């Protein structure tokens, strides 16, 4: 986890709530806050003793986790202005705070299975108020299936049971549902934590290729990002999977709701990822095809 902020700081609030010093019961177990001894305003939210979100209460643009910095670098390639963003797995809403800081006026929905946790993060952290950021306690897959088509510019999947993505959020039904909910040109960012030989990440790439089009890798609409050591299968780590819906690819797509799609082959994006505090590598095109190899799509 890097501790470098990605943006300017905002003044600290004089009315900041008192944060708990001991674990607090939530619906799925416990939540606790660990403070950074070198930076009083920085903290990590642990859910069931797993680091879930890292925030700086004085700087909503701060992102500590490397995979979130990678996601932010891709989001930055979208056209300027407010975005509609769906966060599946909201936790402490670190990425939602970042989006609102960088794209004021964005409309966001955070979904998390734990209703009590959603209440607490509203109480503890300086989150954008509704309707800028709505929080919903629900299963991420069920919430996604209920949303209208072509309604979001970005869908972020960051949901885990222990250290694995739940099966119903990594298969073909999820990929198809995410594609349906995205506006033409919209962006799916999925956090896949995997171990060597990265079987899950490879199969997820194959699954997204089915949902987003067999030409997605070749046309710069499908990619995988991680620290090089993770991509080479040297250790457990996070792989960010990025998939872009075609600009106008359905007869019922609303052209007025389209956004200019990100081209993951853009050299500027590759440079931005390589210059992060922990440099990351982006696989696209033939390199991504070699990574996926003969992996079968998930059911």
C-alpha atoms as a PDB file:
ATOM      1  CA  UNK A   1       0.000   0.000   0.000  1.00  0.00           C
ATOM      2  CA  UNK A   2       1.378   3.370  -1.023  1.00  0.00           C
ATOM      3  CA  UNK A   3       0.947   6.362   1.237  1.00  0.00           C
ATOM      4  CA  UNK A   4       1.314   9.110  -1.362  1.00  0.00           C
ATOM      5  CA  UNK A   5      -1.712  11.301  -1.998  1.00  0.00           C
ATOM      6  CA  UNK A   6      -2.822  11.737  -5.591  1.00  0.00           C
ATOM      7  CA  UNK A   7      -4.290  15.216  -5.191  1.00  0.00           C
ATOM      8  CA  UNK A   8      -4.439  18.466  -3.318  1.00  0.00           C
ATOM      9  CA  UNK A   9      -5.519  18.478   0.307  1.00  0.00           C
ATOM     10  CA  UNK A  10      -8.759  19.922   1.602  1.00  0.00           C
ATOM     11  CA  UNK A  11      -9.139  21.707   4.938  1.00  0.00           C
ATOM     12  CA  UNK A  12      -9.881  19.424   7.878  1.00  0.00           C
ATOM     13  CA  UNK A  13     -13.370  19.699   9.324  1.00  0.00           C
ATOM     14  CA  UNK A  14     -13.612  21.149  12.819  1.00  0.00           C
ATOM     15  CA  UNK A  15     -16.735  19.069  13.453  1.00  0.00           C
ATOM     16  CA  UNK A  16     -15.145  15.700  12.728  1.00  0.00           C
ATOM     17  CA  UNK A  17     -16.779  12.825  14.644  1.00  0.00           C
ATOM     18  CA  UNK A  18     -14.986  10.871  17.337  1.00  0.00           C
ATOM     19  CA  UNK A  19     -13.809   7.606  15.830  1.00  0.00           C
ATOM     20  CA  UNK A  20     -13.913   4.349  17.805  1.00  0.00           C
ATOM     21  CA  UNK A  21     -10.719   2.983  19.345  1.00  0.00           C
ATOM     22  CA  UNK A  22     -12.072  -0.570  19.627  1.00  0.00           C
ATOM     23  CA  UNK A  23     -13.762  -2.956  17.176  1.00  0.00           C
ATOM     24  CA  UNK A  24     -17.429  -2.169  16.511  1.00  0.00           C
ATOM     25  CA  UNK A  25     -20.062  -4.832  15.739  1.00  0.00           C
ATOM     26  CA  UNK A  26     -21.526  -4.750  12.238  1.00  0.00           C
ATOM     27  CA  UNK A  27     -23.948  -7.078  10.464  1.00  0.00           C
ATOM     28  CA  UNK A  28     -21.214  -9.276   8.989  1.00  0.00           C
ATOM     29  CA  UNK A  29     -18.801  -9.261  11.951  1.00  0.00           C
ATOM     30  CA  UNK A  30     -16.715  -6.354  13.186  1.00  0.00           C
ATOM     31  CA  UNK A  31     -15.226  -3.116  11.891  1.00  0.00           C
ATOM     32  CA  UNK A  32     -12.262  -1.330  13.384  1.00  0.00           C
ATOM     33  CA  UNK A  33     -10.203   1.718  12.508  1.00  0.00           C
ATOM     34  CA  UNK A  34      -6.412   1.730  12.492  1.00  0.00           C
ATOM     35  CA  UNK A  35      -4.759   5.161  12.507  1.00  0.00           C
ATOM     36  CA  UNK A  36      -1.509   6.002  10.735  1.00  0.00           C
ATOM     37  CA  UNK A  37       0.866   7.142  13.518  1.00  0.00           C
ATOM     38  CA  UNK A  38       2.752   9.406  11.097  1.00  0.00           C
ATOM     39  CA  UNK A  39      -0.346  11.034   9.579  1.00  0.00           C
ATOM     40  CA  UNK A  40      -3.121  11.711  12.123  1.00  0.00           C
ATOM     41  CA  UNK A  41      -5.818  12.214   9.472  1.00  0.00           C
ATOM     42  CA  UNK A  42      -5.081   8.935   7.674  1.00  0.00           C
ATOM     43  CA  UNK A  43      -6.702   5.666   8.649  1.00  0.00           C
ATOM     44  CA  UNK A  44      -7.489   2.172   7.438  1.00  0.00           C
ATOM     45  CA  UNK A  45     -10.923   0.631   7.891  1.00  0.00           C
ATOM     46  CA  UNK A  46     -10.673  -3.097   8.675  1.00  0.00           C
ATOM     47  CA  UNK A  47     -13.707  -5.298   8.130  1.00  0.00           C
ATOM     48  CA  UNK A  48     -13.362  -8.623   9.930  1.00  0.00           C
ATOM     49  CA  UNK A  49      -9.631  -7.855  10.308  1.00  0.00           C
ATOM     50  CA  UNK A  50      -9.151  -7.414   6.550  1.00  0.00           C
ATOM     51  CA  UNK A  51      -7.959  -3.965   5.336  1.00  0.00           C
ATOM     52  CA  UNK A  52     -10.956  -2.698   3.398  1.00  0.00           C
ATOM     53  CA  UNK A  53     -10.541   1.041   2.800  1.00  0.00           C
ATOM     54  CA  UNK A  54      -7.793   3.608   3.385  1.00  0.00           C
ATOM     55  CA  UNK A  55      -8.775   7.251   3.751  1.00  0.00           C
ATOM     56  CA  UNK A  56      -7.363  10.639   4.633  1.00  0.00           C
ATOM     57  CA  UNK A  57     -10.079  12.593   6.431  1.00  0.00           C
ATOM     58  CA  UNK A  58      -8.467  15.884   5.365  1.00  0.00           C
ATOM     59  CA  UNK A  59      -7.918  14.861   1.727  1.00  0.00           C
ATOM     60  CA  UNK A  60     -10.808  13.172  -0.109  1.00  0.00           C
ATOM     61  CA  UNK A  61      -8.562  12.728  -3.153  1.00  0.00           C
ATOM     62  CA  UNK A  62      -6.147  10.467  -1.276  1.00  0.00           C
ATOM     63  CA  UNK A  63      -5.882   6.862  -2.479  1.00  0.00           C
ATOM     64  CA  UNK A  64      -3.512   4.527  -0.639  1.00  0.00           C
ATOM     65  CA  UNK A  65      -4.250   1.108  -2.115  1.00  0.00           C
ATOM     66  CA  UNK A  66      -2.303   0.474  -5.311  1.00  0.00           C
ATOM     67  CA  UNK A  67      -5.216  -1.122  -7.140  1.00  0.00           C
ATOM     68  CA  UNK A  68      -7.363   1.959  -6.480  1.00  0.00           C
ATOM     69  CA  UNK A  69      -4.608   4.194  -7.851  1.00  0.00           C
ATOM     70  CA  UNK A  70      -4.637   2.011 -10.972  1.00  0.00           C
ATOM     71  CA  UNK A  71      -8.419   2.335 -11.268  1.00  0.00           C
ATOM     72  CA  UNK A  72      -8.147   6.106 -10.826  1.00  0.00           C
ATOM     73  CA  UNK A  73      -5.545   6.335 -13.600  1.00  0.00           C
ATOM     74  CA  UNK A  74      -8.013   4.665 -15.990  1.00  0.00           C
ATOM     75  CA  UNK A  75     -10.982   6.756 -14.835  1.00  0.00           C
ATOM     76  CA  UNK A  76      -8.902   9.869 -15.525  1.00  0.00           C
ATOM     77  CA  UNK A  77      -8.913   8.952 -19.224  1.00  0.00           C
ATOM     78  CA  UNK A  78     -12.690   9.447 -19.407  1.00  0.00           C
ATOM     79  CA  UNK A  79     -13.919  12.800 -20.753  1.00  0.00           C
ATOM     80  CA  UNK A  80     -13.901  15.688 -18.278  1.00  0.00           C
ATOM     81  CA  UNK A  81     -16.941  16.380 -16.134  1.00  0.00           C
ATOM     82  CA  UNK A  82     -19.214  14.605 -13.653  1.00  0.00           C
ATOM     83  CA  UNK A  83     -19.693  10.858 -13.927  1.00  0.00           C
ATOM     84  CA  UNK A  84     -22.330   8.351 -12.932  1.00  0.00           C
ATOM     85  CA  UNK A  85     -20.492   5.667 -10.978  1.00  0.00           C
ATOM     86  CA  UNK A  86     -21.717   2.423  -9.421  1.00  0.00           C
ATOM     87  CA  UNK A  87     -19.558   0.962  -6.629  1.00  0.00           C
ATOM     88  CA  UNK A  88     -20.246  -2.707  -5.898  1.00  0.00           C
ATOM     89  CA  UNK A  89     -18.576  -3.229  -2.528  1.00  0.00           C
ATOM     90  CA  UNK A  90     -18.651   0.254  -0.997  1.00  0.00           C
ATOM     91  CA  UNK A  91     -16.979  -0.282   2.414  1.00  0.00           C
ATOM     92  CA  UNK A  92     -15.412   3.072   3.412  1.00  0.00           C
ATOM     93  CA  UNK A  93     -16.129   4.652  -0.004  1.00  0.00           C
ATOM     94  CA  UNK A  94     -12.525   5.738  -0.617  1.00  0.00           C
ATOM     95  CA  UNK A  95     -12.897   5.637  -4.400  1.00  0.00           C
ATOM     96  CA  UNK A  96     -16.264   7.398  -4.259  1.00  0.00           C
ATOM     97  CA  UNK A  97     -14.665  10.236  -2.241  1.00  0.00           C
ATOM     98  CA  UNK A  98     -11.917  10.443  -4.864  1.00  0.00           C
ATOM     99  CA  UNK A  99     -14.394  10.618  -7.760  1.00  0.00           C
ATOM    100  CA  UNK A 100     -16.393  13.408  -6.121  1.00  0.00           C
ATOM    101  CA  UNK A 101     -13.161  15.304  -5.349  1.00  0.00           C
ATOM    102  CA  UNK A 102     -11.874  15.044  -8.926  1.00  0.00           C
ATOM    103  CA  UNK A 103     -15.275  15.153 -10.708  1.00  0.00           C
ATOM    104  CA  UNK A 104     -17.531  17.437  -8.615  1.00  0.00           C
ATOM    105  CA  UNK A 105     -21.207  16.853  -9.199  1.00  0.00           C
ATOM    106  CA  UNK A 106     -20.821  13.161 -10.009  1.00  0.00           C
ATOM    107  CA  UNK A 107     -23.783  10.961  -9.080  1.00  0.00           C
ATOM    108  CA  UNK A 108     -22.709   7.749  -7.374  1.00  0.00           C
ATOM    109  CA  UNK A 109     -24.304   4.670  -5.825  1.00  0.00           C
ATOM    110  CA  UNK A 110     -22.419   2.536  -3.308  1.00  0.00           C
ATOM    111  CA  UNK A 111     -23.723  -0.975  -2.658  1.00  0.00           C
ATOM    112  CA  UNK A 112     -22.605  -3.103   0.273  1.00  0.00           C
ATOM    113  CA  UNK A 113     -24.129  -6.177   1.892  1.00  0.00           C
ATOM    114  CA  UNK A 114     -23.621  -4.763   5.402  1.00  0.00           C
ATOM    115  CA  UNK A 115     -26.322  -2.240   6.351  1.00  0.00           C
ATOM    116  CA  UNK A 116     -24.744  -1.349   9.697  1.00  0.00           C
ATOM    117  CA  UNK A 117     -21.390  -0.683   8.063  1.00  0.00           C
ATOM    118  CA  UNK A 118     -23.070   1.714   5.641  1.00  0.00           C
ATOM    119  CA  UNK A 119     -24.567   3.607   8.597  1.00  0.00           C
ATOM    120  CA  UNK A 120     -21.198   3.821  10.336  1.00  0.00           C
ATOM    121  CA  UNK A 121     -19.172   5.066   7.382  1.00  0.00           C
ATOM    122  CA  UNK A 122     -21.740   7.835   6.905  1.00  0.00           C
ATOM    123  CA  UNK A 123     -21.220   8.742  10.553  1.00  0.00           C
ATOM    124  CA  UNK A 124     -17.422   8.397  10.633  1.00  0.00           C
ATOM    125  CA  UNK A 125     -16.219   9.735   7.298  1.00  0.00           C
ATOM    126  CA  UNK A 126     -16.802  12.916   5.289  1.00  0.00           C
ATOM    127  CA  UNK A 127     -18.774  11.305   2.462  1.00  0.00           C
ATOM    128  CA  UNK A 128     -20.650  13.218  -0.239  1.00  0.00           C
ATOM    129  CA  UNK A 129     -24.279  13.484   0.773  1.00  0.00           C
ATOM    130  CA  UNK A 130     -27.198  11.954  -1.100  1.00  0.00           C
ATOM    131  CA  UNK A 131     -28.040  12.282  -3.977  1.00  0.00           C
ATOM    132  CA  UNK A 132     -24.374  12.812  -4.897  1.00  0.00           C
ATOM    133  CA  UNK A 133     -23.520   9.549  -3.121  1.00  0.00           C
ATOM    134  CA  UNK A 134     -26.327   7.166  -2.248  1.00  0.00           C
ATOM    135  CA  UNK A 135     -25.584   4.093  -0.152  1.00  0.00           C
ATOM    136  CA  UNK A 136     -27.625   0.915  -0.470  1.00  0.00           C
ATOM    137  CA  UNK A 137     -27.435  -2.202   1.686  1.00  0.00           C
ATOM    138  CA  UNK A 138     -27.911  -5.113  -0.707  1.00  0.00           C
ATOM    139  CA  UNK A 139     -26.199  -8.016  -2.392  1.00  0.00           C
ATOM    140  CA  UNK A 140     -24.103  -6.547  -5.207  1.00  0.00           C
ATOM    141  CA  UNK A 141     -25.340  -8.998  -7.814  1.00  0.00           C
ATOM    142  CA  UNK A 142     -28.983  -8.445  -6.956  1.00  0.00           C
ATOM    143  CA  UNK A 143     -28.563  -4.672  -6.966  1.00  0.00           C
ATOM    144  CA  UNK A 144     -26.794  -4.755 -10.331  1.00  0.00           C
ATOM    145  CA  UNK A 145     -29.524  -6.883 -11.915  1.00  0.00           C
ATOM    146  CA  UNK A 146     -32.212  -4.415 -10.791  1.00  0.00           C
ATOM    147  CA  UNK A 147     -30.617  -1.304 -12.301  1.00  0.00           C
ATOM    148  CA  UNK A 148     -31.838   0.128 -15.610  1.00  0.00           C
ATOM    149  CA  UNK A 149     -29.797  -0.359 -18.792  1.00  0.00           C
ATOM    150  CA  UNK A 150     -27.246   2.214 -19.984  1.00  0.00           C
ATOM    151  CA  UNK A 151     -27.402   4.080 -16.665  1.00  0.00           C
ATOM    152  CA  UNK A 152     -23.751   4.345 -15.518  1.00  0.00           C
ATOM    153  CA  UNK A 153     -20.477   5.612 -16.953  1.00  0.00           C
ATOM    154  CA  UNK A 154     -18.391   3.464 -14.607  1.00  0.00           C
ATOM    155  CA  UNK A 155     -19.095   0.243 -12.717  1.00  0.00           C
ATOM    156  CA  UNK A 156     -16.548  -0.743 -10.057  1.00  0.00           C
ATOM    157  CA  UNK A 157     -16.553  -4.256  -8.610  1.00  0.00           C
ATOM    158  CA  UNK A 158     -14.603  -4.520  -5.369  1.00  0.00           C
ATOM    159  CA  UNK A 159     -16.379  -7.306  -3.462  1.00  0.00           C
ATOM    160  CA  UNK A 160     -14.739 -10.099  -1.514  1.00  0.00           C
ATOM    161  CA  UNK A 161     -15.639 -12.986   0.741  1.00  0.00           C
ATOM    162  CA  UNK A 162     -12.453 -13.498   2.725  1.00  0.00           C
ATOM    163  CA  UNK A 163      -9.851 -13.071  -0.052  1.00  0.00           C
ATOM    164  CA  UNK A 164     -11.932 -14.255  -3.018  1.00  0.00           C
ATOM    165  CA  UNK A 165     -14.466 -12.651  -5.324  1.00  0.00           C
ATOM    166  CA  UNK A 166     -17.880 -14.298  -4.761  1.00  0.00           C
ATOM    167  CA  UNK A 167     -18.638 -16.708  -7.589  1.00  0.00           C
ATOM    168  CA  UNK A 168     -21.841 -14.932  -8.639  1.00  0.00           C
ATOM    169  CA  UNK A 169     -19.851 -11.712  -9.176  1.00  0.00           C
ATOM    170  CA  UNK A 170     -17.146 -13.251 -11.361  1.00  0.00           C
ATOM    171  CA  UNK A 171     -19.063 -15.228 -13.961  1.00  0.00           C
ATOM    172  CA  UNK A 172     -20.829 -14.707 -17.241  1.00  0.00           C
ATOM    173  CA  UNK A 173     -24.076 -13.459 -15.656  1.00  0.00           C
ATOM    174  CA  UNK A 174     -22.208 -10.693 -13.835  1.00  0.00           C
ATOM    175  CA  UNK A 175     -20.248  -9.682 -16.948  1.00  0.00           C
ATOM    176  CA  UNK A 176     -23.435  -9.501 -19.019  1.00  0.00           C
ATOM    177  CA  UNK A 177     -25.246  -7.507 -16.305  1.00  0.00           C
ATOM    178  CA  UNK A 178     -22.383  -5.017 -16.009  1.00  0.00           C
ATOM    179  CA  UNK A 179     -22.312  -4.585 -19.795  1.00  0.00           C
ATOM    180  CA  UNK A 180     -26.071  -3.941 -19.801  1.00  0.00           C
ATOM    181  CA  UNK A 181     -25.903  -1.307 -17.033  1.00  0.00           C
ATOM    182  CA  UNK A 182     -23.041   0.621 -18.653  1.00  0.00           C
ATOM    183  CA  UNK A 183     -23.747   3.435 -21.056  1.00  0.00           C
ATOM    184  CA  UNK A 184     -22.208   3.013 -24.524  1.00  0.00           C
ATOM    185  CA  UNK A 185     -18.533   3.803 -24.018  1.00  0.00           C
ATOM    186  CA  UNK A 186     -18.844   3.041 -20.276  1.00  0.00           C
ATOM    187  CA  UNK A 187     -16.108   1.423 -18.215  1.00  0.00           C
ATOM    188  CA  UNK A 188     -16.107  -1.655 -15.976  1.00  0.00           C
ATOM    189  CA  UNK A 189     -13.295  -1.898 -13.411  1.00  0.00           C
ATOM    190  CA  UNK A 190     -13.105  -5.193 -11.520  1.00  0.00           C
ATOM    191  CA  UNK A 191     -10.689  -5.925  -8.684  1.00  0.00           C
ATOM    192  CA  UNK A 192      -9.581  -9.551  -8.987  1.00  0.00           C
ATOM    193  CA  UNK A 193      -7.360 -10.852  -6.176  1.00  0.00           C
ATOM    194  CA  UNK A 194      -5.611 -14.028  -7.276  1.00  0.00           C
ATOM    195  CA  UNK A 195      -2.724 -16.378  -6.603  1.00  0.00           C
ATOM    196  CA  UNK A 196      -0.216 -17.912  -9.032  1.00  0.00           C
ATOM    197  CA  UNK A 197      -0.852 -19.104 -11.694  1.00  0.00           C
ATOM    198  CA  UNK A 198      -3.623 -16.468 -11.823  1.00  0.00           C
ATOM    199  CA  UNK A 199      -6.237 -18.926 -13.028  1.00  0.00           C
ATOM    200  CA  UNK A 200      -9.154 -16.767 -11.872  1.00  0.00           C
ATOM    201  CA  UNK A 201      -7.802 -13.598 -13.494  1.00  0.00           C
ATOM    202  CA  UNK A 202      -7.227 -15.398 -16.792  1.00  0.00           C
ATOM    203  CA  UNK A 203     -10.719 -16.894 -16.754  1.00  0.00           C
ATOM    204  CA  UNK A 204     -12.243 -13.514 -15.907  1.00  0.00           C
ATOM    205  CA  UNK A 205     -10.499 -11.997 -18.929  1.00  0.00           C
ATOM    206  CA  UNK A 206     -12.006 -14.753 -21.092  1.00  0.00           C
ATOM    207  CA  UNK A 207     -15.425 -14.142 -19.525  1.00  0.00           C
ATOM    208  CA  UNK A 208     -15.324 -10.389 -20.149  1.00  0.00           C
ATOM    209  CA  UNK A 209     -14.241 -11.014 -23.749  1.00  0.00           C
ATOM    210  CA  UNK A 210     -17.494 -12.889 -24.312  1.00  0.00           C
ATOM    211  CA  UNK A 211     -19.660 -10.169 -22.749  1.00  0.00           C
ATOM    212  CA  UNK A 212     -17.866  -7.135 -24.229  1.00  0.00           C
ATOM    213  CA  UNK A 213     -17.038  -8.586 -27.641  1.00  0.00           C
ATOM    214  CA  UNK A 214     -14.452 -10.923 -29.113  1.00  0.00           C
ATOM    215  CA  UNK A 215     -12.714  -7.884 -30.626  1.00  0.00           C
ATOM    216  CA  UNK A 216     -12.484  -6.081 -27.267  1.00  0.00           C
ATOM    217  CA  UNK A 217      -8.826  -6.919 -26.593  1.00  0.00           C
ATOM    218  CA  UNK A 218      -7.680  -6.068 -30.115  1.00  0.00           C
ATOM    219  CA  UNK A 219      -9.608  -2.779 -30.173  1.00  0.00           C
ATOM    220  CA  UNK A 220      -8.337  -1.532 -26.805  1.00  0.00           C
ATOM    221  CA  UNK A 221     -11.559  -2.187 -24.901  1.00  0.00           C
ATOM    222  CA  UNK A 222     -10.261  -4.956 -22.634  1.00  0.00           C
ATOM    223  CA  UNK A 223      -7.197  -4.955 -20.408  1.00  0.00           C
ATOM    224  CA  UNK A 224      -5.599  -6.182 -17.193  1.00  0.00           C
ATOM    225  CA  UNK A 225      -3.443  -4.064 -14.876  1.00  0.00           C
ATOM    226  CA  UNK A 226      -1.172  -5.120 -12.025  1.00  0.00           C
ATOM    227  CA  UNK A 227       2.278  -4.785 -10.578  1.00  0.00           C
ATOM    228  CA  UNK A 228       4.623  -6.760 -12.899  1.00  0.00           C
ATOM    229  CA  UNK A 229       5.517  -9.310 -10.226  1.00  0.00           C
ATOM    230  CA  UNK A 230       1.849 -10.214  -9.830  1.00  0.00           C
ATOM    231  CA  UNK A 231       1.315 -10.528 -13.595  1.00  0.00           C
ATOM    232  CA  UNK A 232       4.334 -12.823 -13.811  1.00  0.00           C
ATOM    233  CA  UNK A 233       2.760 -15.123 -11.229  1.00  0.00           C
ATOM    234  CA  UNK A 234       5.329 -14.541  -8.512  1.00  0.00           C
ATOM    235  CA  UNK A 235       2.876 -13.813  -5.683  1.00  0.00           C
ATOM    236  CA  UNK A 236      -0.692 -13.208  -4.596  1.00  0.00           C
ATOM    237  CA  UNK A 237      -1.982  -9.784  -5.531  1.00  0.00           C
ATOM    238  CA  UNK A 238      -4.627  -7.615  -7.135  1.00  0.00           C
ATOM    239  CA  UNK A 239      -5.288  -7.559 -10.865  1.00  0.00           C
ATOM    240  CA  UNK A 240      -7.538  -4.745 -12.109  1.00  0.00           C
ATOM    241  CA  UNK A 241      -9.610  -5.890 -15.072  1.00  0.00           C
ATOM    242  CA  UNK A 242     -10.893  -3.113 -17.326  1.00  0.00           C
ATOM    243  CA  UNK A 243     -13.601  -3.574 -19.956  1.00  0.00           C
ATOM    244  CA  UNK A 244     -15.148  -0.851 -22.124  1.00  0.00           C
ATOM    245  CA  UNK A 245     -18.585  -1.146 -23.693  1.00  0.00           C
ATOM    246  CA  UNK A 246     -18.658  -0.408 -27.405  1.00  0.00           C
ATOM    247  CA  UNK A 247     -19.628   3.152 -28.311  1.00  0.00           C
ATOM    248  CA  UNK A 248     -23.007   2.287 -29.868  1.00  0.00           C
ATOM    249  CA  UNK A 249     -23.474  -1.440 -30.195  1.00  0.00           C
ATOM    250  CA  UNK A 250     -27.135  -2.170 -29.421  1.00  0.00           C
ATOM    251  CA  UNK A 251     -30.215  -1.241 -31.389  1.00  0.00           C
ATOM    252  CA  UNK A 252     -31.854   0.108 -28.230  1.00  0.00           C
ATOM    253  CA  UNK A 253     -28.819   2.063 -26.998  1.00  0.00           C
ATOM    254  CA  UNK A 254     -29.506   5.718 -26.252  1.00  0.00           C
ATOM    255  CA  UNK A 255     -26.978   7.717 -28.269  1.00  0.00           C
ATOM    256  CA  UNK A 256     -27.538  10.750 -26.041  1.00  0.00           C
ATOM    257  CA  UNK A 257     -26.338   8.724 -23.044  1.00  0.00           C
ATOM    258  CA  UNK A 258     -23.097   7.606 -24.679  1.00  0.00           C
ATOM    259  CA  UNK A 259     -19.689   8.633 -23.402  1.00  0.00           C
ATOM    260  CA  UNK A 260     -16.422   8.739 -25.328  1.00  0.00           C
ATOM    261  CA  UNK A 261     -14.826   5.331 -24.683  1.00  0.00           C
ATOM    262  CA  UNK A 262     -11.380   4.890 -23.164  1.00  0.00           C
ATOM    263  CA  UNK A 263      -8.807   3.338 -25.493  1.00  0.00           C
ATOM    264  CA  UNK A 264      -6.760   1.145 -23.169  1.00  0.00           C
ATOM    265  CA  UNK A 265      -3.955   1.113 -25.762  1.00  0.00           C
ATOM    266  CA  UNK A 266      -3.406   4.858 -25.203  1.00  0.00           C
ATOM    267  CA  UNK A 267       0.349   5.354 -24.527  1.00  0.00           C
ATOM    268  CA  UNK A 268      -0.483   8.125 -22.045  1.00  0.00           C
ATOM    269  CA  UNK A 269      -2.408   5.632 -19.917  1.00  0.00           C
ATOM    270  CA  UNK A 270       0.489   3.196 -19.981  1.00  0.00           C
ATOM    271  CA  UNK A 271       2.862   5.963 -18.858  1.00  0.00           C
ATOM    272  CA  UNK A 272       0.501   7.035 -16.072  1.00  0.00           C
ATOM    273  CA  UNK A 273       0.384   3.487 -14.724  1.00  0.00           C
ATOM    274  CA  UNK A 274       4.153   3.031 -14.948  1.00  0.00           C
ATOM    275  CA  UNK A 275       4.746   6.245 -12.974  1.00  0.00           C
ATOM    276  CA  UNK A 276       2.504   5.360 -10.023  1.00  0.00           C
ATOM    277  CA  UNK A 277       4.266   5.031  -6.625  1.00  0.00           C
ATOM    278  CA  UNK A 278       4.193   1.276  -7.275  1.00  0.00           C
ATOM    279  CA  UNK A 279       4.579   0.985 -11.069  1.00  0.00           C
ATOM    280  CA  UNK A 280       1.934  -1.108 -12.822  1.00  0.00           C
ATOM    281  CA  UNK A 281       1.797  -2.722 -16.242  1.00  0.00           C
ATOM    282  CA  UNK A 282      -1.241  -2.778 -18.540  1.00  0.00           C
ATOM    283  CA  UNK A 283      -1.886  -5.800 -20.745  1.00  0.00           C
ATOM    284  CA  UNK A 284      -3.903  -5.185 -23.909  1.00  0.00           C
ATOM    285  CA  UNK A 285      -4.183  -6.647 -27.389  1.00  0.00           C
ATOM    286  CA  UNK A 286      -1.980  -9.618 -28.206  1.00  0.00           C
ATOM    287  CA  UNK A 287      -0.241  -9.385 -24.824  1.00  0.00           C
ATOM    288  CA  UNK A 288      -3.605  -9.804 -23.075  1.00  0.00           C
ATOM    289  CA  UNK A 289      -4.500 -12.693 -25.388  1.00  0.00           C
ATOM    290  CA  UNK A 290      -1.281 -14.448 -24.379  1.00  0.00           C
ATOM    291  CA  UNK A 291      -2.092 -13.816 -20.724  1.00  0.00           C
ATOM    292  CA  UNK A 292      -5.559 -15.363 -21.064  1.00  0.00           C
ATOM    293  CA  UNK A 293      -4.211 -18.206 -23.199  1.00  0.00           C
ATOM    294  CA  UNK A 294      -6.660 -21.096 -23.366  1.00  0.00           C
ATOM    295  CA  UNK A 295      -8.503 -20.134 -20.175  1.00  0.00           C
ATOM    296  CA  UNK A 296     -12.184 -20.995 -20.358  1.00  0.00           C
ATOM    297  CA  UNK A 297     -14.832 -18.366 -19.534  1.00  0.00           C
ATOM    298  CA  UNK A 298     -16.448 -18.716 -16.140  1.00  0.00           C
ATOM    299  CA  UNK A 299     -19.991 -20.098 -16.163  1.00  0.00           C
END
